[in-house]
Amino acid sequence: MWEAIWHYEFLRNAFVAGILTGFAAPLLGVFIVVRRLSLIADALSHVTLAGIAAGLLLGSLAPAAASWNPLYIGMGFSVVGSLLVEKLRAVYRHYEELAIPIILSSGIGLSVIFISIANGFTTDLFSYLFGSVSAVSRADVWTAVVVAAAAAIVILAFYKELFLLSFDEEYARVSGIRTTLIHFLFIVLVALVIAASMRIVGVLLISSLMTLPVAASIRIAKSFKQAMGLSILFGELAVIAGLWAAYELDWAPGGTIVIVAVVILLFALGWKRGRQR
């Protein structure tokens, strides 16, 4: 694979986009898991799918829109969905977990409607569902660069605030932190990372890359920062090994990356159990 990367642009695009995804997804995933919002990635990925399906449908109905990148429309849907999640969490203050299934159901419903209007799946839509190495364009790479950089900047700038919000929201509010602003900023960033990662991992598997490396790291790490570092390490390892195995074995890249992440998790669980004995 390493020789082929220098000869084929689509492999370079996939590798770079995968590295960026392996960094940004677990970085945000640590905060998502601690806040017990692990299913939000599934909800927003299905909302993103609805936006992509709408973009592809619009392109087929209006020739002027055929040149539009459906990923950007999906990002718009994902951002709106993330804001609605926060709004619903405020509405159902004592039942905040209801916000995620409401948005998840809405995203699935819209996706089915748009897909049925378009008379079924297209090749482009199928690549968004499960990820596709050959479908990653240079524009997708630059999108991943911008989103990953934004994720790093926001985490560095608001680490203390996000840490307090994740573990004790009431104390953070009393301390004078603008909790609403931080919540919205974080959730929008999660939406953008999910949308930008779909070309590599796919709609149905993106939540795995946000949670599996974190699940492995928290079994080993002794501090929150260590868990964050290990999550990124495991995420990068899963992406690199998964892309290599997918190329060599001619497997779907998204599924291969997720299975590698599962193997890493099993090793982490086994290592922890061995240490306890």
Protein backbone atom coordinates (compact mmCIF):
# COMPACT_ATOMS: atom_id res chain seq x y z
CA MET A 1 0.00 0.00 0.00
CA TRP A 2 2.76 2.44 0.92
CA GLU A 3 4.20 2.35 -2.59
CA ALA A 4 0.77 2.81 -4.13
CA ILE A 5 0.09 5.90 -2.00
CA TRP A 6 2.78 7.82 -3.91
CA HIS A 7 1.36 6.76 -7.27
CA TYR A 8 -2.39 7.25 -6.77
CA GLU A 9 -3.89 10.52 -5.62
CA PHE A 10 -7.12 8.95 -4.33
CA LEU A 11 -5.09 6.78 -1.93
CA ARG A 12 -3.19 9.82 -0.66
CA ASN A 13 -6.49 11.66 -0.19
CA ALA A 14 -7.98 8.73 1.72
CA PHE A 15 -4.88 8.33 3.91
CA VAL A 16 -4.66 12.02 4.84
CA ALA A 17 -8.41 12.30 5.46
CA GLY A 18 -8.25 9.12 7.55
CA ILE A 19 -5.39 10.45 9.69
CA LEU A 20 -7.34 13.66 10.33
CA THR A 21 -10.50 11.70 11.16
CA GLY A 22 -8.56 9.42 13.50
CA PHE A 23 -7.43 12.53 15.36
CA ALA A 24 -10.61 14.62 15.52
CA ALA A 25 -13.21 11.91 16.19
CA PRO A 26 -11.63 10.42 19.37
CA LEU A 27 -10.59 13.90 20.55
CA LEU A 28 -14.24 14.92 20.77
CA GLY A 29 -15.34 11.40 21.62
CA VAL A 30 -13.71 11.58 25.05
CA PHE A 31 -15.98 14.47 26.06
CA ILE A 32 -19.01 12.81 24.42
CA VAL A 33 -18.52 9.57 26.37
CA VAL A 34 -17.93 11.35 29.69
CA ARG A 35 -21.12 13.39 29.15
CA ARG A 36 -23.01 10.14 28.39
CA LEU A 37 -23.96 11.30 24.89
CA SER A 38 -22.42 8.39 22.99
CA LEU A 39 -25.50 7.92 20.78
CA ILE A 40 -25.41 11.52 19.55
CA ALA A 41 -22.95 10.52 16.81
CA ASP A 42 -25.52 8.03 15.46
CA ALA A 43 -28.26 10.65 15.55
CA LEU A 44 -26.25 13.34 13.78
CA SER A 45 -24.82 10.92 11.22
CA HIS A 46 -28.35 9.99 10.13
CA VAL A 47 -29.31 13.65 9.95
CA THR A 48 -26.20 14.20 7.81
CA LEU A 49 -27.28 11.30 5.58
CA ALA A 50 -30.64 13.03 5.10
CA GLY A 51 -28.82 16.19 4.00
CA ILE A 52 -26.59 14.26 1.59
CA ALA A 53 -29.60 12.43 0.14
CA ALA A 54 -31.36 15.78 -0.25
CA GLY A 55 -28.29 17.21 -2.00
CA LEU A 56 -28.06 14.28 -4.41
CA LEU A 57 -31.81 14.50 -5.08
CA LEU A 58 -31.57 18.23 -5.69
CA GLY A 59 -28.69 17.67 -8.08
CA SER A 60 -30.72 15.17 -10.10
CA LEU A 61 -33.78 17.44 -10.27
CA ALA A 62 -32.02 20.76 -10.90
CA PRO A 63 -29.07 20.72 -13.35
CA ALA A 64 -27.72 23.94 -11.81
CA ALA A 65 -27.30 22.14 -8.47
CA ALA A 66 -25.58 19.08 -9.95
CA SER A 67 -22.13 20.56 -9.28
CA TRP A 68 -22.83 21.18 -5.57
CA ASN A 69 -21.01 18.95 -3.12
CA PRO A 70 -23.73 17.08 -1.18
CA LEU A 71 -21.35 16.76 1.77
CA TYR A 72 -21.71 20.49 2.47
CA ILE A 73 -25.50 20.19 2.44
CA GLY A 74 -25.13 17.26 4.82
CA MET A 75 -22.98 19.43 7.08
CA GLY A 76 -25.71 22.06 7.14
CA PHE A 77 -28.30 19.45 8.12
CA SER A 78 -25.95 18.07 10.79
CA VAL A 79 -25.35 21.50 12.34
CA VAL A 80 -29.10 22.19 12.43
CA GLY A 81 -29.64 18.75 13.98
CA SER A 82 -27.00 19.41 16.64
CA LEU A 83 -28.62 22.71 17.58
CA LEU A 84 -32.00 20.99 17.82
CA VAL A 85 -30.49 18.37 20.13
CA GLU A 86 -29.36 21.09 22.52
CA LYS A 87 -32.73 22.83 22.27
CA LEU A 88 -34.62 19.62 23.02
CA ARG A 89 -32.33 18.86 25.94
CA ALA A 90 -33.32 22.23 27.39
CA VAL A 91 -37.03 21.57 26.72
CA TYR A 92 -36.93 18.09 28.31
CA ARG A 93 -34.76 19.20 31.22
CA HIS A 94 -35.54 16.12 33.34
CA TYR A 95 -35.51 13.71 30.37
CA GLU A 96 -32.56 15.03 28.35
CA GLU A 97 -31.82 11.63 26.81
CA LEU A 98 -35.06 11.95 24.79
CA ALA A 99 -33.43 14.56 22.53
CA ILE A 100 -31.17 12.01 20.81
CA PRO A 101 -33.81 9.43 19.75
CA ILE A 102 -36.07 12.26 18.55
CA ILE A 103 -33.36 13.63 16.24
CA LEU A 104 -32.24 10.11 15.27
CA SER A 105 -35.77 9.14 14.24
CA SER A 106 -36.22 12.40 12.33
CA GLY A 107 -32.95 11.86 10.46
CA ILE A 108 -33.85 8.30 9.50
CA GLY A 109 -37.33 9.37 8.41
CA LEU A 110 -36.03 12.18 6.20
CA SER A 111 -33.36 9.90 4.73
CA VAL A 112 -35.92 7.26 3.77
CA ILE A 113 -38.19 9.87 2.18
CA PHE A 114 -35.41 11.46 0.11
CA ILE A 115 -34.04 8.07 -0.94
CA SER A 116 -37.50 6.85 -1.97
CA ILE A 117 -38.11 10.00 -4.02
CA ALA A 118 -34.77 9.40 -5.75
CA ASN A 119 -35.90 5.82 -6.56
CA GLY A 120 -33.43 4.06 -4.33
CA PHE A 121 -29.72 4.12 -3.56
CA THR A 122 -27.18 5.57 -5.93
CA THR A 123 -23.48 4.75 -6.03
CA ASP A 124 -22.63 8.08 -4.40
CA LEU A 125 -25.10 7.57 -1.56
CA PHE A 126 -23.88 4.02 -0.97
CA SER A 127 -20.31 5.31 -0.55
CA TYR A 128 -21.52 7.71 2.16
CA LEU A 129 -23.23 4.86 3.99
CA PHE A 130 -20.19 2.62 4.37
CA GLY A 131 -17.23 4.79 3.35
CA SER A 132 -15.18 4.58 0.17
CA VAL A 133 -11.47 5.13 -0.38
CA SER A 134 -11.88 5.97 -4.06
CA ALA A 135 -14.60 8.56 -3.34
CA VAL A 136 -12.40 10.84 -1.20
CA SER A 137 -11.63 13.97 -3.21
CA ARG A 138 -9.15 16.76 -2.60
CA ALA A 139 -12.05 18.98 -1.50
CA ASP A 140 -12.97 16.34 1.12
CA VAL A 141 -9.37 16.39 2.38
CA TRP A 142 -9.36 20.18 2.77
CA THR A 143 -12.71 19.96 4.56
CA ALA A 144 -11.22 17.42 6.96
CA VAL A 145 -8.17 19.67 7.50
CA VAL A 146 -10.32 22.67 8.41
CA VAL A 147 -12.62 20.69 10.71
CA ALA A 148 -9.74 18.89 12.49
CA ALA A 149 -7.93 22.20 13.00
CA ALA A 150 -11.11 23.78 14.36
CA ALA A 151 -11.56 20.85 16.76
CA ALA A 152 -8.01 21.18 18.06
CA ILE A 153 -8.30 24.97 18.48
CA VAL A 154 -11.63 24.77 20.33
CA ILE A 155 -10.43 22.01 22.67
CA LEU A 156 -7.23 23.93 23.46
CA ALA A 157 -9.06 27.22 23.97
CA PHE A 158 -11.94 25.85 26.07
CA TYR A 159 -10.42 22.76 27.67
CA LYS A 160 -11.10 23.88 31.24
CA GLU A 161 -14.70 24.85 30.48
CA LEU A 162 -15.42 21.62 28.60
CA PHE A 163 -13.82 19.57 31.37
CA LEU A 164 -16.01 21.18 34.04
CA LEU A 165 -19.14 20.88 31.91
CA SER A 166 -18.46 17.20 31.29
CA PHE A 167 -18.07 16.28 34.96
CA ASP A 168 -20.14 18.83 36.89
CA GLU A 169 -22.41 21.08 34.86
CA GLU A 170 -23.99 22.73 37.90
CA TYR A 171 -20.61 23.74 39.32
CA ALA A 172 -19.57 25.06 35.90
CA ARG A 173 -22.71 27.20 35.74
CA VAL A 174 -22.19 28.56 39.25
CA SER A 175 -18.55 29.32 38.41
CA GLY A 176 -19.68 31.79 35.77
CA ILE A 177 -18.91 29.70 32.69
CA ARG A 178 -21.16 30.53 29.75
CA THR A 179 -22.49 26.99 29.59
CA THR A 180 -25.00 27.57 26.80
CA LEU A 181 -22.37 29.02 24.48
CA ILE A 182 -19.88 26.23 25.22
CA HIS A 183 -22.56 23.57 24.74
CA PHE A 184 -23.57 24.94 21.36
CA LEU A 185 -19.99 25.42 20.21
CA PHE A 186 -19.08 21.86 21.15
CA ILE A 187 -22.16 20.25 19.65
CA VAL A 188 -21.72 22.13 16.35
CA LEU A 189 -18.11 20.97 16.23
CA VAL A 190 -19.23 17.38 16.79
CA ALA A 191 -21.68 17.75 13.90
CA LEU A 192 -18.96 19.03 11.57
CA VAL A 193 -16.52 16.25 12.51
CA ILE A 194 -19.18 13.61 11.91
CA ALA A 195 -20.04 15.04 8.49
CA ALA A 196 -16.38 15.40 7.47
CA SER A 197 -15.60 11.80 8.51
CA MET A 198 -18.33 10.13 6.50
CA ARG A 199 -16.31 9.65 3.30
CA ILE A 200 -13.84 7.38 5.10
CA VAL A 201 -15.90 5.52 7.71
CA GLY A 202 -19.47 6.01 6.50
CA VAL A 203 -22.71 7.07 8.15
CA LEU A 204 -23.38 3.72 9.79
CA LEU A 205 -19.94 3.44 11.40
CA ILE A 206 -18.79 6.95 12.35
CA SER A 207 -20.06 6.66 15.92
CA SER A 208 -17.75 3.65 16.36
CA LEU A 209 -14.67 5.76 15.67
CA MET A 210 -15.85 8.29 18.24
CA THR A 211 -16.51 5.75 20.99
CA LEU A 212 -14.43 2.56 20.55
CA PRO A 213 -10.99 4.22 20.97
CA VAL A 214 -12.35 6.03 24.03
CA ALA A 215 -13.77 2.80 25.45
CA ALA A 216 -10.32 1.20 25.11
CA SER A 217 -8.45 4.18 26.57
CA ILE A 218 -10.56 4.57 29.71
CA ARG A 219 -9.76 0.99 30.68
CA ILE A 220 -6.04 1.82 30.72
CA ALA A 221 -5.66 5.55 31.39
CA LYS A 222 -5.09 6.94 34.88
CA SER A 223 -6.23 10.48 34.12
CA PHE A 224 -8.53 12.36 31.76
CA LYS A 225 -5.67 13.82 29.72
CA GLN A 226 -4.08 10.40 29.43
CA ALA A 227 -7.40 8.99 28.24
CA MET A 228 -7.57 11.71 25.62
CA GLY A 229 -4.06 10.96 24.37
CA LEU A 230 -4.63 7.20 24.27
CA SER A 231 -7.96 7.69 22.47
CA ILE A 232 -6.24 9.63 19.70
CA LEU A 233 -3.44 7.04 19.54
CA PHE A 234 -5.92 4.15 19.28
CA GLY A 235 -8.00 6.07 16.73
CA GLU A 236 -4.97 6.69 14.51
CA LEU A 237 -3.86 3.08 14.86
CA ALA A 238 -7.32 1.85 13.87
CA VAL A 239 -7.44 4.12 10.82
CA ILE A 240 -3.92 3.35 9.55
CA ALA A 241 -4.13 -0.40 10.15
CA GLY A 242 -7.70 -0.48 8.84
CA LEU A 243 -6.86 1.33 5.60
CA TRP A 244 -3.81 -0.88 5.07
CA ALA A 245 -5.80 -4.08 5.65
CA ALA A 246 -8.68 -2.86 3.48
CA TYR A 247 -6.29 -2.15 0.60
CA GLU A 248 -4.40 -5.43 0.90
CA LEU A 249 -7.49 -7.62 1.40
CA ASP A 250 -9.88 -5.62 -0.81
CA TRP A 251 -12.32 -5.04 2.06
CA ALA A 252 -14.60 -2.08 2.76
CA PRO A 253 -12.44 0.55 4.53
CA GLY A 254 -15.10 1.72 7.00
CA GLY A 255 -15.89 -1.74 8.29
CA THR A 256 -12.21 -2.72 8.45
CA ILE A 257 -11.31 0.37 10.49
CA VAL A 258 -14.11 -0.38 12.96
CA ILE A 259 -13.08 -4.04 13.35
CA VAL A 260 -9.49 -2.98 14.05
CA ALA A 261 -10.85 -0.58 16.69
CA VAL A 262 -12.82 -3.48 18.22
CA VAL A 263 -9.66 -5.61 18.32
CA ILE A 264 -7.82 -2.77 20.09
CA LEU A 265 -10.67 -2.57 22.61
CA LEU A 266 -10.48 -6.33 23.25
CA PHE A 267 -6.72 -6.06 23.82
CA ALA A 268 -7.31 -3.19 26.27
CA LEU A 269 -9.91 -5.20 28.17
CA GLY A 270 -7.62 -8.22 28.27
CA TRP A 271 -4.65 -6.13 29.41
CA LYS A 272 -6.72 -4.59 32.20
CA ARG A 273 -7.97 -7.97 33.36
CA GLY A 274 -4.42 -9.35 33.31
CA ARG A 275 -3.18 -6.45 35.42
CA GLN A 276 -5.97 -6.99 37.95
CA ARG A 277 -5.00 -10.64 38.37
